[in-house]
PDB file of N, CA and C in Angstrom:
ATOM      1  N   MET A   1       6.017 156.667  99.924  1.00  0.00           N
ATOM      2  CA  MET A   1       7.348 157.207  99.866  1.00  0.00           C
ATOM      3  C   MET A   1       8.340 156.053  99.942  1.00  0.00           C
ATOM      4  N   LEU A   2       9.387 156.164  99.191  1.00  0.00           N
ATOM      5  CA  LEU A   2      10.392 155.115  99.093  1.00  0.00           C
ATOM      6  C   LEU A   2      11.765 155.724  99.369  1.00  0.00           C
ATOM      7  N   ILE A   3      12.507 155.162 100.328  1.00  0.00           N
ATOM      8  CA  ILE A   3      13.860 155.585 100.633  1.00  0.00           C
ATOM      9  C   ILE A   3      14.800 154.550 100.027  1.00  0.00           C
ATOM     10  N   VAL A   4      15.716 155.002  99.177  1.00  0.00           N
ATOM     11  CA  VAL A   4      16.625 154.085  98.479  1.00  0.00           C
ATOM     12  C   VAL A   4      18.059 154.509  98.773  1.00  0.00           C
ATOM     13  N   ARG A   5      18.851 153.571  99.292  1.00  0.00           N
ATOM     14  CA  ARG A   5      20.236 153.859  99.654  1.00  0.00           C
ATOM     15  C   ARG A   5      21.204 153.346  98.583  1.00  0.00           C
ATOM     16  N   ASP A   6      22.426 153.824  98.661  1.00  0.00           N
ATOM     17  CA  ASP A   6      23.531 153.369  97.793  1.00  0.00           C
ATOM     18  C   ASP A   6      23.196 153.515  96.309  1.00  0.00           C
ATOM     19  N   LEU A   7      22.798 154.705  95.926  1.00  0.00           N
ATOM     20  CA  LEU A   7      22.496 154.996  94.527  1.00  0.00           C
ATOM     21  C   LEU A   7      23.643 155.768  93.903  1.00  0.00           C
ATOM     22  N   PRO A   8      23.886 155.546  92.602  1.00  0.00           N
ATOM     23  CA  PRO A   8      24.926 156.325  91.938  1.00  0.00           C
ATOM     24  C   PRO A   8      24.546 157.793  91.931  1.00  0.00           C
ATOM     25  N   ARG A   9      25.462 158.631  92.373  1.00  0.00           N
ATOM     26  CA  ARG A   9      25.178 160.057  92.452  1.00  0.00           C
ATOM     27  C   ARG A   9      26.375 160.842  91.932  1.00  0.00           C
ATOM     28  N   PRO A  10      26.200 161.528  90.802  1.00  0.00           N
ATOM     29  CA  PRO A  10      27.283 162.388  90.327  1.00  0.00           C
ATOM     30  C   PRO A  10      27.546 163.499  91.334  1.00  0.00           C
ATOM     31  N   SER A  11      28.799 163.702  91.698  1.00  0.00           N
ATOM     32  CA  SER A  11      29.131 164.694  92.727  1.00  0.00           C
ATOM     33  C   SER A  11      28.796 166.116  92.292  1.00  0.00           C
ATOM     34  N   ASN A  12      28.707 166.373  90.979  1.00  0.00           N
ATOM     35  CA  ASN A  12      28.427 167.719  90.500  1.00  0.00           C
ATOM     36  C   ASN A  12      26.941 167.969  90.251  1.00  0.00           C
ATOM     37  N   ASP A  13      26.061 167.022  90.594  1.00  0.00           N
ATOM     38  CA  ASP A  13      24.629 167.178  90.335  1.00  0.00           C
ATOM     39  C   ASP A  13      23.874 167.168  91.667  1.00  0.00           C
ATOM     40  N   PRO A  14      23.550 168.358  92.228  1.00  0.00           N
ATOM     41  CA  PRO A  14      22.857 168.397  93.512  1.00  0.00           C
ATOM     42  C   PRO A  14      21.371 168.037  93.406  1.00  0.00           C
ATOM     43  N   ASP A  15      20.805 168.081  92.193  1.00  0.00           N
ATOM     44  CA  ASP A  15      19.390 167.803  92.012  1.00  0.00           C
ATOM     45  C   ASP A  15      19.172 166.382  91.515  1.00  0.00           C
ATOM     46  N   LEU A  16      18.043 165.841  91.865  1.00  0.00           N
ATOM     47  CA  LEU A  16      17.671 164.505  91.387  1.00  0.00           C
ATOM     48  C   LEU A  16      16.596 164.688  90.322  1.00  0.00           C
ATOM     49  N   ASP A  17      17.040 164.909  89.092  1.00  0.00           N
ATOM     50  CA  ASP A  17      16.118 165.097  87.974  1.00  0.00           C
ATOM     51  C   ASP A  17      16.821 164.725  86.678  1.00  0.00           C
ATOM     52  N   GLY A  18      16.093 164.730  85.597  1.00  0.00           N
ATOM     53  CA  GLY A  18      16.665 164.467  84.282  1.00  0.00           C
ATOM     54  C   GLY A  18      17.308 163.106  84.159  1.00  0.00           C
ATOM     55  N   ALA A  19      18.521 163.078  83.620  1.00  0.00           N
ATOM     56  CA  ALA A  19      19.234 161.823  83.386  1.00  0.00           C
ATOM     57  C   ALA A  19      19.587 161.125  84.696  1.00  0.00           C
ATOM     58  N   THR A  20      19.864 161.903  85.747  1.00  0.00           N
ATOM     59  CA  THR A  20      20.170 161.301  87.038  1.00  0.00           C
ATOM     60  C   THR A  20      18.964 160.559  87.583  1.00  0.00           C
ATOM     61  N   LEU A  21      17.781 161.140  87.449  1.00  0.00           N
ATOM     62  CA  LEU A  21      16.550 160.476  87.899  1.00  0.00           C
ATOM     63  C   LEU A  21      16.278 159.229  87.084  1.00  0.00           C
ATOM     64  N   ASP A  22      16.552 159.267  85.783  1.00  0.00           N
ATOM     65  CA  ASP A  22      16.392 158.080  84.952  1.00  0.00           C
ATOM     66  C   ASP A  22      17.306 156.946  85.420  1.00  0.00           C
ATOM     67  N   THR A  23      18.541 157.286  85.777  1.00  0.00           N
ATOM     68  CA  THR A  23      19.487 156.288  86.272  1.00  0.00           C
ATOM     69  C   THR A  23      19.008 155.701  87.594  1.00  0.00           C
ATOM     70  N   VAL A  24      18.537 156.550  88.491  1.00  0.00           N
ATOM     71  CA  VAL A  24      18.020 156.076  89.791  1.00  0.00           C
ATOM     72  C   VAL A  24      16.797 155.193  89.573  1.00  0.00           C
ATOM     73  N   PHE A  25      15.908 155.561  88.667  1.00  0.00           N
ATOM     74  CA  PHE A  25      14.730 154.758  88.374  1.00  0.00           C
ATOM     75  C   PHE A  25      15.134 153.380  87.845  1.00  0.00           C
ATOM     76  N   ASP A  26      16.127 153.341  86.947  1.00  0.00           N
ATOM     77  CA  ASP A  26      16.600 152.055  86.414  1.00  0.00           C
ATOM     78  C   ASP A  26      17.190 151.173  87.518  1.00  0.00           C
ATOM     79  N   VAL A  27      17.954 151.768  88.423  1.00  0.00           N
ATOM     80  CA  VAL A  27      18.535 151.006  89.528  1.00  0.00           C
ATOM     81  C   VAL A  27      17.434 150.456  90.428  1.00  0.00           C
ATOM     82  N   CYS A  28      16.402 151.253  90.709  1.00  0.00           N
ATOM     83  CA  CYS A  28      15.287 150.814  91.535  1.00  0.00           C
ATOM     84  C   CYS A  28      14.516 149.666  90.875  1.00  0.00           C
ATOM     85  N   CYS A  29      14.354 149.725  89.563  1.00  0.00           N
ATOM     86  CA  CYS A  29      13.690 148.641  88.848  1.00  0.00           C
ATOM     87  C   CYS A  29      14.526 147.358  88.896  1.00  0.00           C
ATOM     88  N   GLN A  30      15.859 147.498  88.760  1.00  0.00           N
ATOM     89  CA  GLN A  30      16.741 146.330  88.844  1.00  0.00           C
ATOM     90  C   GLN A  30      16.694 145.701  90.231  1.00  0.00           C
ATOM     91  N   ARG A  31      16.572 146.525  91.269  1.00  0.00           N
ATOM     92  CA  ARG A  31      16.484 146.032  92.642  1.00  0.00           C
ATOM     93  C   ARG A  31      15.061 145.567  92.982  1.00  0.00           C
ATOM     94  N   GLN A  32      14.146 145.672  92.050  1.00  0.00           N
ATOM     95  CA  GLN A  32      12.740 145.283  92.196  1.00  0.00           C
ATOM     96  C   GLN A  32      12.042 146.088  93.299  1.00  0.00           C
ATOM     97  N   LEU A  33      12.409 147.363  93.406  1.00  0.00           N
ATOM     98  CA  LEU A  33      11.763 148.269  94.334  1.00  0.00           C
ATOM     99  C   LEU A  33      10.607 149.022  93.663  1.00  0.00           C
ATOM    100  N   LEU A  34      10.689 149.152  92.342  1.00  0.00           N
ATOM    101  CA  LEU A  34       9.663 149.830  91.557  1.00  0.00           C
ATOM    102  C   LEU A  34       9.252 148.942  90.400  1.00  0.00           C
ATOM    103  N   ALA A  35       7.993 149.041  90.025  1.00  0.00           N
ATOM    104  CA  ALA A  35       7.506 148.340  88.831  1.00  0.00           C
ATOM    105  C   ALA A  35       7.638 149.287  87.648  1.00  0.00           C
ATOM    106  N   ALA A  36       7.653 148.722  86.458  1.00  0.00           N
ATOM    107  CA  ALA A  36       7.848 149.521  85.251  1.00  0.00           C
ATOM    108  C   ALA A  36       6.723 150.523  85.026  1.00  0.00           C
ATOM    109  N   ASP A  37       5.512 150.246  85.536  1.00  0.00           N
ATOM    110  CA  ASP A  37       4.389 151.171  85.304  1.00  0.00           C
ATOM    111  C   ASP A  37       4.206 152.187  86.427  1.00  0.00           C
ATOM    112  N   GLU A  38       5.152 152.255  87.381  1.00  0.00           N
ATOM    113  CA  GLU A  38       5.085 153.265  88.426  1.00  0.00           C
ATOM    114  C   GLU A  38       5.734 154.560  87.939  1.00  0.00           C
ATOM    115  N   THR A  39       5.227 155.673  88.427  1.00  0.00           N
ATOM    116  CA  THR A  39       5.719 156.984  88.017  1.00  0.00           C
ATOM    117  C   THR A  39       6.261 157.713  89.246  1.00  0.00           C
ATOM    118  N   VAL A  40       7.458 158.271  89.127  1.00  0.00           N
ATOM    119  CA  VAL A  40       8.024 159.072  90.198  1.00  0.00           C
ATOM    120  C   VAL A  40       7.451 160.478  90.084  1.00  0.00           C
ATOM    121  N   VAL A  41       6.729 160.925  91.120  1.00  0.00           N
ATOM    122  CA  VAL A  41       6.122 162.252  91.079  1.00  0.00           C
ATOM    123  C   VAL A  41       6.941 163.300  91.822  1.00  0.00           C
ATOM    124  N   LYS A  42       7.792 162.848  92.761  1.00  0.00           N
ATOM    125  CA  LYS A  42       8.651 163.768  93.486  1.00  0.00           C
ATOM    126  C   LYS A  42       9.903 163.013  93.885  1.00  0.00           C
ATOM    127  N   ALA A  43      11.064 163.644  93.738  1.00  0.00           N
ATOM    128  CA  ALA A  43      12.317 162.971  94.060  1.00  0.00           C
ATOM    129  C   ALA A  43      13.318 163.978  94.603  1.00  0.00           C
ATOM    130  N   GLY A  44      14.151 163.520  95.514  1.00  0.00           N
ATOM    131  CA  GLY A  44      15.203 164.376  96.042  1.00  0.00           C
ATOM    132  C   GLY A  44      16.232 163.560  96.799  1.00  0.00           C
ATOM    133  N   TRP A  45      17.426 164.124  96.906  1.00  0.00           N
ATOM    134  CA  TRP A  45      18.503 163.486  97.662  1.00  0.00           C
ATOM    135  C   TRP A  45      18.307 163.781  99.131  1.00  0.00           C
ATOM    136  N   LEU A  46      18.592 162.823 100.003  1.00  0.00           N
ATOM    137  CA  LEU A  46      18.528 163.046 101.447  1.00  0.00           C
ATOM    138  C   LEU A  46      19.837 163.573 101.987  1.00  0.00           C
ATOM    139  N   ALA A  47      20.951 163.026 101.512  1.00  0.00           N
ATOM    140  CA  ALA A  47      22.264 163.454 101.973  1.00  0.00           C
ATOM    141  C   ALA A  47      22.724 164.649 101.144  1.00  0.00           C
ATOM    142  N   PRO A  48      23.374 165.646 101.770  1.00  0.00           N
ATOM    143  CA  PRO A  48      23.774 166.832 101.015  1.00  0.00           C
ATOM    144  C   PRO A  48      24.871 166.581  99.994  1.00  0.00           C
ATOM    145  N   THR A  49      25.765 165.619 100.227  1.00  0.00           N
ATOM    146  CA  THR A  49      26.835 165.353  99.278  1.00  0.00           C
ATOM    147  C   THR A  49      26.997 163.854  99.090  1.00  0.00           C
ATOM    148  N   GLY A  50      27.495 163.479  97.911  1.00  0.00           N
ATOM    149  CA  GLY A  50      27.793 162.078  97.657  1.00  0.00           C
ATOM    150  C   GLY A  50      29.110 161.697  98.310  1.00  0.00           C
ATOM    151  N   ARG A  51      29.240 160.452  98.725  1.00  0.00           N
ATOM    152  CA  ARG A  51      30.471 159.988  99.347  1.00  0.00           C
ATOM    153  C   ARG A  51      30.948 158.732  98.650  1.00  0.00           C
ATOM    154  N   GLY A  52      32.235 158.467  98.767  1.00  0.00           N
ATOM    155  CA  GLY A  52      32.801 157.254  98.186  1.00  0.00           C
ATOM    156  C   GLY A  52      33.280 157.499  96.770  1.00  0.00           C
ATOM    157  N   ASN A  53      33.803 156.458  96.172  1.00  0.00           N
ATOM    158  CA  ASN A  53      34.293 156.537  94.810  1.00  0.00           C
ATOM    159  C   ASN A  53      33.811 155.312  94.062  1.00  0.00           C
ATOM    160  N   PRO A  54      32.844 155.363  93.193  1.00  0.00           N
ATOM    161  CA  PRO A  54      32.118 156.568  92.783  1.00  0.00           C
ATOM    162  C   PRO A  54      31.150 157.046  93.875  1.00  0.00           C
ATOM    163  N   ALA A  55      30.736 158.285  93.766  1.00  0.00           N
ATOM    164  CA  ALA A  55      29.855 158.873  94.769  1.00  0.00           C
ATOM    165  C   ALA A  55      28.534 158.108  94.834  1.00  0.00           C
ATOM    166  N   ALA A  56      28.014 157.903  96.044  1.00  0.00           N
ATOM    167  CA  ALA A  56      26.737 157.230  96.243  1.00  0.00           C
ATOM    168  C   ALA A  56      25.885 158.104  97.142  1.00  0.00           C
ATOM    169  N   GLY A  57      24.587 158.018  96.973  1.00  0.00           N
ATOM    170  CA  GLY A  57      23.689 158.840  97.772  1.00  0.00           C
ATOM    171  C   GLY A  57      22.439 158.076  98.156  1.00  0.00           C
ATOM    172  N   THR A  58      21.630 158.721  98.982  1.00  0.00           N
ATOM    173  CA  THR A  58      20.347 158.175  99.412  1.00  0.00           C
ATOM    174  C   THR A  58      19.258 159.082  98.882  1.00  0.00           C
ATOM    175  N   ALA A  59      18.257 158.494  98.231  1.00  0.00           N
ATOM    176  CA  ALA A  59      17.191 159.280  97.626  1.00  0.00           C
ATOM    177  C   ALA A  59      15.855 158.987  98.294  1.00  0.00           C
ATOM    178  N   ARG A  60      14.985 159.985  98.257  1.00  0.00           N
ATOM    179  CA  ARG A  60      13.591 159.831  98.700  1.00  0.00           C
ATOM    180  C   ARG A  60      12.712 160.018  97.473  1.00  0.00           C
ATOM    181  N   LEU A  61      11.954 158.970  97.137  1.00  0.00           N
ATOM    182  CA  LEU A  61      11.084 159.002  95.968  1.00  0.00           C
ATOM    183  C   LEU A  61       9.629 158.879  96.387  1.00  0.00           C
ATOM    184  N   THR A  62       8.786 159.724  95.826  1.00  0.00           N
ATOM    185  CA  THR A  62       7.341 159.590  95.980  1.00  0.00           C
ATOM    186  C   THR A  62       6.828 159.076  94.655  1.00  0.00           C
ATOM    187  N   VAL A  63       6.166 157.931  94.671  1.00  0.00           N
ATOM    188  CA  VAL A  63       5.738 157.272  93.436  1.00  0.00           C
ATOM    189  C   VAL A  63       4.227 157.176  93.356  1.00  0.00           C
ATOM    190  N   GLN A  64       3.754 157.136  92.139  1.00  0.00           N
ATOM    191  CA  GLN A  64       2.336 156.910  91.860  1.00  0.00           C
ATOM    192  C   GLN A  64       2.238 155.541  91.204  1.00  0.00           C
ATOM    193  N   LEU A  65       1.402 154.685  91.780  1.00  0.00           N
ATOM    194  CA  LEU A  65       1.270 153.335  91.260  1.00  0.00           C
ATOM    195  C   LEU A  65       0.462 153.311  89.974  1.00  0.00           C
ATOM    196  N   GLY A  66       0.878 152.469  89.051  1.00  0.00           N
ATOM    197  CA  GLY A  66       0.139 152.252  87.820  1.00  0.00           C
ATOM    198  C   GLY A  66      -1.067 151.360  88.098  1.00  0.00           C
ATOM    199  N   PRO A  67      -2.021 151.304  87.192  1.00  0.00           N
ATOM    200  CA  PRO A  67      -3.236 150.513  87.429  1.00  0.00           C
ATOM    201  C   PRO A  67      -2.981 149.023  87.628  1.00  0.00           C
ATOM    202  N   VAL A  68      -2.033 148.454  86.907  1.00  0.00           N
ATOM    203  CA  VAL A  68      -1.746 147.020  87.038  1.00  0.00           C
ATOM    204  C   VAL A  68      -1.125 146.734  88.410  1.00  0.00           C
ATOM    205  N   THR A  69      -0.158 147.542  88.817  1.00  0.00           N
ATOM    206  CA  THR A  69       0.494 147.359  90.105  1.00  0.00           C
ATOM    207  C   THR A  69      -0.487 147.596  91.248  1.00  0.00           C
ATOM    208  N   LEU A  70      -1.305 148.640  91.126  1.00  0.00           N
ATOM    209  CA  LEU A  70      -2.290 148.942  92.157  1.00  0.00           C
ATOM    210  C   LEU A  70      -3.291 147.808  92.329  1.00  0.00           C
ATOM    211  N   ALA A  71      -3.768 147.242  91.220  1.00  0.00           N
ATOM    212  CA  ALA A  71      -4.715 146.116  91.286  1.00  0.00           C
ATOM    213  C   ALA A  71      -4.064 144.899  91.929  1.00  0.00           C
ATOM    214  N   GLY A  72      -2.816 144.643  91.619  1.00  0.00           N
ATOM    215  CA  GLY A  72      -2.114 143.493  92.196  1.00  0.00           C
ATOM    216  C   GLY A  72      -1.872 143.641  93.678  1.00  0.00           C
ATOM    217  N   ARG A  73      -1.603 144.863  94.132  1.00  0.00           N
ATOM    218  CA  ARG A  73      -1.323 145.078  95.559  1.00  0.00           C
ATOM    219  C   ARG A  73      -2.573 145.170  96.411  1.00  0.00           C
ATOM    220  N   THR A  74      -3.701 145.471  95.799  1.00  0.00           N
ATOM    221  CA  THR A  74      -4.932 145.618  96.587  1.00  0.00           C
ATOM    222  C   THR A  74      -5.879 144.439  96.425  1.00  0.00           C
ATOM    223  N   ALA A  75      -5.504 143.438  95.649  1.00  0.00           N
ATOM    224  CA  ALA A  75      -6.363 142.266  95.458  1.00  0.00           C
ATOM    225  C   ALA A  75      -6.374 141.425  96.737  1.00  0.00           C
ATOM    226  N   PRO A  76      -7.558 140.948  97.144  1.00  0.00           N
ATOM    227  CA  PRO A  76      -7.608 140.087  98.324  1.00  0.00           C
ATOM    228  C   PRO A  76      -6.880 138.775  98.063  1.00  0.00           C
ATOM    229  N   ASP A  77      -6.194 138.282  99.081  1.00  0.00           N
ATOM    230  CA  ASP A  77      -5.424 137.051  98.889  1.00  0.00           C
ATOM    231  C   ASP A  77      -5.805 135.954  99.885  1.00  0.00           C
ATOM    232  N   GLY A  78      -6.907 136.105 100.578  1.00  0.00           N
ATOM    233  CA  GLY A  78      -7.309 135.072 101.524  1.00  0.00           C
ATOM    234  C   GLY A  78      -8.542 135.498 102.293  1.00  0.00           C
ATOM    235  N   TRP A  79      -8.863 134.729 103.323  1.00  0.00           N
ATOM    236  CA  TRP A  79     -10.042 134.997 104.135  1.00  0.00           C
ATOM    237  C   TRP A  79      -9.608 135.304 105.555  1.00  0.00           C
ATOM    238  N   LEU A  80     -10.379 136.139 106.212  1.00  0.00           N
ATOM    239  CA  LEU A  80     -10.174 136.428 107.619  1.00  0.00           C
ATOM    240  C   LEU A  80     -11.489 136.149 108.324  1.00  0.00           C
ATOM    241  N   PHE A  81     -11.468 135.279 109.343  1.00  0.00           N
ATOM    242  CA  PHE A  81     -12.703 134.880 110.023  1.00  0.00           C
ATOM    243  C   PHE A  81     -12.762 135.545 111.391  1.00  0.00           C
ATOM    244  N   PHE A  82     -13.886 136.193 111.686  1.00  0.00           N
ATOM    245  CA  PHE A  82     -14.177 136.748 113.008  1.00  0.00           C
ATOM    246  C   PHE A  82     -15.357 135.993 113.596  1.00  0.00           C
ATOM    247  N   GLY A  83     -15.279 135.605 114.838  1.00  0.00           N
ATOM    248  CA  GLY A  83     -16.415 134.933 115.488  1.00  0.00           C
ATOM    249  C   GLY A  83     -15.962 133.700 116.226  1.00  0.00           C
ATOM    250  N   TRP A  84     -16.969 132.920 116.661  1.00  0.00           N
ATOM    251  CA  TRP A  84     -16.705 131.697 117.392  1.00  0.00           C
ATOM    252  C   TRP A  84     -16.891 130.505 116.473  1.00  0.00           C
ATOM    253  N   ALA A  85     -15.990 129.591 116.550  1.00  0.00           N
ATOM    254  CA  ALA A  85     -16.125 128.346 115.800  1.00  0.00           C
ATOM    255  C   ALA A  85     -16.721 127.301 116.714  1.00  0.00           C
ATOM    256  N   SER A  86     -17.731 126.606 116.248  1.00  0.00           N
ATOM    257  CA  SER A  86     -18.351 125.560 117.065  1.00  0.00           C
ATOM    258  C   SER A  86     -17.621 124.241 116.836  1.00  0.00           C
ATOM    259  N   ARG A  87     -17.715 123.358 117.822  1.00  0.00           N
ATOM    260  CA  ARG A  87     -17.052 122.060 117.685  1.00  0.00           C
ATOM    261  C   ARG A  87     -17.839 121.121 116.892  1.00  0.00           C
TER     262      ARG A  87
END
């Protein structure tokens, strides 16, 4: 789950879907929070109304990782040693 703050939110759109979701996805990619091969499977606004001018909101996104991103995040990057080292 990903919580993203300060997103553009049209004051007349209570749902996070369609073109609004596309805009939020683009902003998340620009902020390097999401990779291009990730898929948003569930999305919604946390705050009931947008505030400020232009309106901004906080979104909760549930994403599914793409195979390339998943392989990169789960690849081992070093060694971990357990035991006693002798002199």
